[in-house]
Amino acid sequence: MTYAVCPDCEGHGTSSAYLGAFTSDEWDQMDYEWRDDYVAGRFDRPCPTCNGKRVVEGCHCGQALASSSNIWSGVYFLSGCWNHLSADDQEQLDSDAMSASELRAGC
């Protein structure tokens, strides 16, 4: 089996992405202790993609397998990276991405 560095946590095994992004104004309004804790990684959780293992299954070329998710089947990994997927699998990824975008927009 081939492995690749997790594309979501970039091999760190943890993530604070669940907190979202902060504007510079929001960051300036936070107290120094909270900012220090954030920068030190005290709010990090195990990466949901690799479960803290830092790697995911990889394609034969060394890139991470393409993954997708939808509300019916959850997150799933395909048999190769984007460049090595069949046209049908690429179309499925595009469709899942479009559905996720519509859900985020409230459609």
N, C-alpha and C. Protein backbone atom coordinates (compact mmCIF):
# COMPACT_ATOMS: atom_id res chain seq x y z
N MET A 1 0.84 -1.18 0.00
CA MET A 1 0.00 0.00 0.00
C MET A 1 0.89 1.24 0.00
N THR A 2 0.48 2.23 -0.74
CA THR A 2 1.20 3.49 -0.84
C THR A 2 0.53 4.52 0.06
N TYR A 3 1.35 5.36 0.69
CA TYR A 3 0.83 6.41 1.56
C TYR A 3 1.31 7.77 1.06
N ALA A 4 0.56 8.80 1.43
CA ALA A 4 0.92 10.18 1.07
C ALA A 4 0.65 11.06 2.28
N VAL A 5 1.33 12.18 2.36
CA VAL A 5 1.11 13.15 3.43
C VAL A 5 -0.33 13.65 3.35
N CYS A 6 -0.97 13.72 4.49
CA CYS A 6 -2.37 14.18 4.54
C CYS A 6 -2.46 15.59 3.96
N PRO A 7 -3.31 15.79 2.96
CA PRO A 7 -3.41 17.12 2.35
C PRO A 7 -4.13 18.15 3.23
N ASP A 8 -4.93 17.68 4.19
CA ASP A 8 -5.68 18.63 5.01
C ASP A 8 -4.87 19.21 6.17
N CYS A 9 -4.11 18.36 6.86
CA CYS A 9 -3.30 18.86 7.99
C CYS A 9 -1.84 19.04 7.60
N GLU A 10 -1.52 18.73 6.35
CA GLU A 10 -0.16 18.86 5.81
C GLU A 10 0.86 18.09 6.64
N GLY A 11 0.42 16.93 7.16
CA GLY A 11 1.33 16.05 7.89
C GLY A 11 1.52 16.38 9.36
N HIS A 12 0.75 17.32 9.89
CA HIS A 12 0.89 17.67 11.31
C HIS A 12 0.09 16.74 12.21
N GLY A 13 -0.98 16.16 11.68
CA GLY A 13 -1.81 15.25 12.46
C GLY A 13 -2.87 15.94 13.28
N THR A 14 -2.80 17.24 13.42
CA THR A 14 -3.79 18.00 14.17
C THR A 14 -4.26 19.19 13.35
N SER A 15 -5.39 19.72 13.76
CA SER A 15 -5.94 20.85 13.03
C SER A 15 -6.81 21.69 13.96
N SER A 16 -6.84 22.97 13.71
CA SER A 16 -7.77 23.86 14.43
C SER A 16 -8.74 24.47 13.43
N ALA A 17 -8.90 23.81 12.28
CA ALA A 17 -9.77 24.32 11.23
C ALA A 17 -11.23 24.42 11.69
N TYR A 18 -11.62 23.62 12.66
CA TYR A 18 -13.00 23.67 13.15
C TYR A 18 -13.34 25.03 13.75
N LEU A 19 -12.33 25.80 14.13
CA LEU A 19 -12.56 27.13 14.69
C LEU A 19 -12.89 28.16 13.61
N GLY A 20 -12.58 27.84 12.37
CA GLY A 20 -12.82 28.78 11.29
C GLY A 20 -11.67 29.76 11.13
N ALA A 21 -11.90 30.75 10.33
CA ALA A 21 -10.88 31.77 10.07
C ALA A 21 -11.22 33.05 10.84
N PHE A 22 -10.21 33.84 11.11
CA PHE A 22 -10.40 35.08 11.84
C PHE A 22 -9.93 36.25 10.98
N THR A 23 -10.67 37.34 11.03
CA THR A 23 -10.21 38.55 10.37
C THR A 23 -9.17 39.21 11.27
N SER A 24 -8.44 40.14 10.74
CA SER A 24 -7.45 40.84 11.56
C SER A 24 -8.13 41.63 12.68
N ASP A 25 -9.32 42.17 12.42
CA ASP A 25 -10.05 42.90 13.47
C ASP A 25 -10.45 41.96 14.61
N GLU A 26 -10.94 40.75 14.26
CA GLU A 26 -11.31 39.78 15.29
C GLU A 26 -10.08 39.37 16.10
N TRP A 27 -8.99 39.14 15.41
CA TRP A 27 -7.75 38.73 16.07
C TRP A 27 -7.30 39.81 17.06
N ASP A 28 -7.39 41.07 16.64
CA ASP A 28 -6.98 42.18 17.50
C ASP A 28 -7.85 42.30 18.75
N GLN A 29 -9.11 41.86 18.67
CA GLN A 29 -10.03 41.96 19.80
C GLN A 29 -9.85 40.83 20.81
N MET A 30 -9.15 39.77 20.43
CA MET A 30 -8.95 38.63 21.34
C MET A 30 -7.84 38.97 22.34
N ASP A 31 -7.98 38.44 23.57
CA ASP A 31 -6.95 38.74 24.56
C ASP A 31 -5.66 37.98 24.26
N TYR A 32 -4.59 38.45 24.82
CA TYR A 32 -3.26 37.90 24.53
C TYR A 32 -3.15 36.42 24.93
N GLU A 33 -3.76 36.06 26.05
CA GLU A 33 -3.68 34.67 26.51
C GLU A 33 -4.33 33.73 25.49
N TRP A 34 -5.51 34.11 24.97
CA TRP A 34 -6.19 33.27 23.98
C TRP A 34 -5.34 33.16 22.72
N ARG A 35 -4.79 34.26 22.26
CA ARG A 35 -3.95 34.22 21.05
C ARG A 35 -2.73 33.34 21.25
N ASP A 36 -2.11 33.42 22.43
CA ASP A 36 -0.95 32.57 22.71
C ASP A 36 -1.34 31.09 22.70
N ASP A 37 -2.49 30.77 23.31
CA ASP A 37 -2.97 29.39 23.31
C ASP A 37 -3.25 28.90 21.88
N TYR A 38 -3.84 29.75 21.07
CA TYR A 38 -4.15 29.38 19.68
C TYR A 38 -2.87 29.10 18.90
N VAL A 39 -1.92 29.99 19.00
CA VAL A 39 -0.66 29.84 18.27
C VAL A 39 0.12 28.62 18.77
N ALA A 40 0.03 28.32 20.06
CA ALA A 40 0.73 27.16 20.63
C ALA A 40 0.05 25.84 20.27
N GLY A 41 -1.16 25.90 19.68
CA GLY A 41 -1.84 24.68 19.27
C GLY A 41 -2.68 24.03 20.35
N ARG A 42 -3.02 24.76 21.39
CA ARG A 42 -3.78 24.17 22.49
C ARG A 42 -5.23 23.88 22.12
N PHE A 43 -5.72 24.42 21.02
CA PHE A 43 -7.09 24.16 20.57
C PHE A 43 -7.14 23.11 19.47
N ASP A 44 -6.00 22.60 19.07
CA ASP A 44 -5.95 21.63 17.98
C ASP A 44 -6.64 20.32 18.37
N ARG A 45 -7.25 19.70 17.36
CA ARG A 45 -7.88 18.39 17.49
C ARG A 45 -7.23 17.48 16.46
N PRO A 46 -7.36 16.16 16.64
CA PRO A 46 -6.85 15.27 15.60
C PRO A 46 -7.51 15.60 14.26
N CYS A 47 -6.72 15.56 13.22
CA CYS A 47 -7.22 15.84 11.88
C CYS A 47 -8.34 14.86 11.53
N PRO A 48 -9.49 15.35 11.07
CA PRO A 48 -10.59 14.44 10.74
C PRO A 48 -10.32 13.58 9.50
N THR A 49 -9.40 13.99 8.65
CA THR A 49 -9.12 13.23 7.44
C THR A 49 -8.22 12.03 7.72
N CYS A 50 -7.13 12.26 8.47
CA CYS A 50 -6.17 11.17 8.73
C CYS A 50 -6.28 10.63 10.15
N ASN A 51 -7.17 11.18 10.97
CA ASN A 51 -7.34 10.78 12.36
C ASN A 51 -6.04 10.90 13.16
N GLY A 52 -5.24 11.89 12.83
CA GLY A 52 -4.01 12.14 13.55
C GLY A 52 -2.82 11.30 13.10
N LYS A 53 -3.00 10.46 12.09
CA LYS A 53 -1.92 9.58 11.63
C LYS A 53 -0.91 10.29 10.73
N ARG A 54 -1.25 11.46 10.25
CA ARG A 54 -0.38 12.31 9.42
C ARG A 54 -0.27 11.86 7.97
N VAL A 55 -0.73 10.67 7.67
CA VAL A 55 -0.70 10.17 6.29
C VAL A 55 -2.05 9.60 5.92
N VAL A 56 -2.32 9.54 4.62
CA VAL A 56 -3.52 8.92 4.08
C VAL A 56 -3.09 7.95 2.98
N GLU A 57 -4.01 7.10 2.57
CA GLU A 57 -3.69 6.22 1.46
C GLU A 57 -3.33 7.05 0.25
N GLY A 58 -2.37 6.58 -0.49
CA GLY A 58 -1.90 7.35 -1.63
C GLY A 58 -2.07 6.61 -2.94
N CYS A 59 -2.03 7.37 -3.99
CA CYS A 59 -2.06 6.84 -5.35
C CYS A 59 -0.69 6.25 -5.66
N HIS A 60 -0.60 5.47 -6.70
CA HIS A 60 0.69 4.88 -7.07
C HIS A 60 1.73 5.95 -7.43
N CYS A 61 1.27 7.17 -7.73
CA CYS A 61 2.20 8.25 -8.09
C CYS A 61 2.70 9.00 -6.85
N GLY A 62 2.16 8.68 -5.66
CA GLY A 62 2.61 9.33 -4.43
C GLY A 62 1.73 10.45 -3.93
N GLN A 63 0.73 10.85 -4.71
CA GLN A 63 -0.20 11.89 -4.25
C GLN A 63 -1.30 11.24 -3.42
N ALA A 64 -1.96 12.04 -2.59
CA ALA A 64 -3.07 11.53 -1.79
C ALA A 64 -4.22 11.11 -2.70
N LEU A 65 -4.96 10.09 -2.26
CA LEU A 65 -6.13 9.67 -3.02
C LEU A 65 -7.15 10.78 -3.02
N ALA A 66 -7.88 10.89 -4.09
CA ALA A 66 -8.95 11.88 -4.17
C ALA A 66 -10.04 11.46 -3.19
N SER A 67 -10.60 12.42 -2.48
CA SER A 67 -11.67 12.11 -1.54
C SER A 67 -12.84 13.03 -1.80
N SER A 68 -13.98 12.56 -1.41
CA SER A 68 -15.18 13.35 -1.58
C SER A 68 -16.10 13.05 -0.42
N SER A 69 -17.13 13.83 -0.31
CA SER A 69 -18.12 13.56 0.73
C SER A 69 -19.46 14.08 0.26
N ASN A 70 -20.48 13.41 0.71
CA ASN A 70 -21.83 13.91 0.52
C ASN A 70 -22.65 13.49 1.73
N ILE A 71 -23.83 14.06 1.87
CA ILE A 71 -24.61 13.83 3.08
C ILE A 71 -25.12 12.40 3.18
N TRP A 72 -25.12 11.66 2.08
CA TRP A 72 -25.65 10.30 2.11
C TRP A 72 -24.58 9.26 2.42
N SER A 73 -23.40 9.42 1.89
CA SER A 73 -22.39 8.38 2.08
C SER A 73 -21.22 8.82 2.95
N GLY A 74 -21.18 10.06 3.38
CA GLY A 74 -20.08 10.54 4.19
C GLY A 74 -18.82 10.73 3.37
N VAL A 75 -17.67 10.76 4.03
CA VAL A 75 -16.39 10.94 3.33
C VAL A 75 -15.95 9.59 2.78
N TYR A 76 -15.52 9.58 1.55
CA TYR A 76 -14.98 8.35 0.96
C TYR A 76 -13.80 8.70 0.08
N PHE A 77 -12.89 7.75 -0.05
CA PHE A 77 -11.69 7.93 -0.85
C PHE A 77 -11.81 7.10 -2.11
N LEU A 78 -11.37 7.66 -3.21
CA LEU A 78 -11.43 6.97 -4.50
C LEU A 78 -10.13 6.21 -4.75
N SER A 79 -10.04 5.57 -5.87
CA SER A 79 -8.93 4.65 -6.13
C SER A 79 -7.66 5.32 -6.62
N GLY A 80 -7.65 6.62 -6.81
CA GLY A 80 -6.45 7.29 -7.28
C GLY A 80 -6.52 8.78 -7.02
N CYS A 81 -5.45 9.48 -7.39
CA CYS A 81 -5.46 10.94 -7.29
C CYS A 81 -6.27 11.48 -8.48
N TRP A 82 -6.51 12.76 -8.50
CA TRP A 82 -7.32 13.36 -9.56
C TRP A 82 -6.80 13.00 -10.94
N ASN A 83 -5.50 13.03 -11.12
CA ASN A 83 -4.91 12.77 -12.43
C ASN A 83 -5.09 11.34 -12.89
N HIS A 84 -5.31 10.41 -11.97
CA HIS A 84 -5.41 9.00 -12.34
C HIS A 84 -6.82 8.43 -12.14
N LEU A 85 -7.80 9.29 -11.98
CA LEU A 85 -9.19 8.83 -11.84
C LEU A 85 -9.83 8.68 -13.21
N SER A 86 -10.81 7.82 -13.26
CA SER A 86 -11.57 7.67 -14.50
C SER A 86 -12.44 8.92 -14.69
N ALA A 87 -12.92 9.12 -15.88
CA ALA A 87 -13.77 10.28 -16.17
C ALA A 87 -15.04 10.23 -15.32
N ASP A 88 -15.57 9.04 -15.06
CA ASP A 88 -16.76 8.91 -14.23
C ASP A 88 -16.49 9.34 -12.79
N ASP A 89 -15.33 8.93 -12.25
CA ASP A 89 -14.98 9.33 -10.89
C ASP A 89 -14.74 10.84 -10.79
N GLN A 90 -14.11 11.42 -11.81
CA GLN A 90 -13.90 12.87 -11.81
C GLN A 90 -15.24 13.60 -11.86
N GLU A 91 -16.17 13.07 -12.64
CA GLU A 91 -17.50 13.67 -12.72
C GLU A 91 -18.22 13.57 -11.38
N GLN A 92 -18.07 12.44 -10.68
CA GLN A 92 -18.68 12.26 -9.36
C GLN A 92 -18.11 13.26 -8.36
N LEU A 93 -16.80 13.46 -8.38
CA LEU A 93 -16.17 14.45 -7.49
C LEU A 93 -16.71 15.85 -7.77
N ASP A 94 -16.81 16.20 -9.03
CA ASP A 94 -17.35 17.51 -9.39
C ASP A 94 -18.78 17.67 -8.90
N SER A 95 -19.58 16.62 -9.07
CA SER A 95 -20.98 16.66 -8.64
C SER A 95 -21.08 16.81 -7.12
N ASP A 96 -20.26 16.05 -6.37
CA ASP A 96 -20.27 16.16 -4.92
C ASP A 96 -19.84 17.54 -4.46
N ALA A 97 -18.83 18.11 -5.12
CA ALA A 97 -18.36 19.45 -4.77
C ALA A 97 -19.44 20.49 -5.03
N MET A 98 -20.15 20.34 -6.13
CA MET A 98 -21.24 21.27 -6.46
C MET A 98 -22.36 21.16 -5.42
N SER A 99 -22.71 19.94 -5.03
CA SER A 99 -23.75 19.75 -4.02
C SER A 99 -23.36 20.37 -2.69
N ALA A 100 -22.10 20.18 -2.28
CA ALA A 100 -21.62 20.76 -1.03
C ALA A 100 -21.66 22.27 -1.09
N SER A 101 -21.29 22.84 -2.22
CA SER A 101 -21.32 24.29 -2.38
C SER A 101 -22.76 24.81 -2.28
N GLU A 102 -23.69 24.11 -2.90
CA GLU A 102 -25.10 24.52 -2.83
C GLU A 102 -25.64 24.43 -1.42
N LEU A 103 -25.25 23.39 -0.68
CA LEU A 103 -25.69 23.26 0.70
C LEU A 103 -25.17 24.40 1.57
N ARG A 104 -23.88 24.76 1.35
CA ARG A 104 -23.32 25.88 2.12
C ARG A 104 -24.02 27.19 1.80
N ALA A 105 -24.51 27.30 0.57
CA ALA A 105 -25.20 28.53 0.16
C ALA A 105 -26.67 28.53 0.59
N GLY A 106 -27.13 27.42 1.17
CA GLY A 106 -28.50 27.36 1.65
C GLY A 106 -29.50 26.90 0.61
N CYS A 107 -29.04 26.30 -0.44
CA CYS A 107 -29.94 25.81 -1.48
C CYS A 107 -30.51 24.45 -1.12
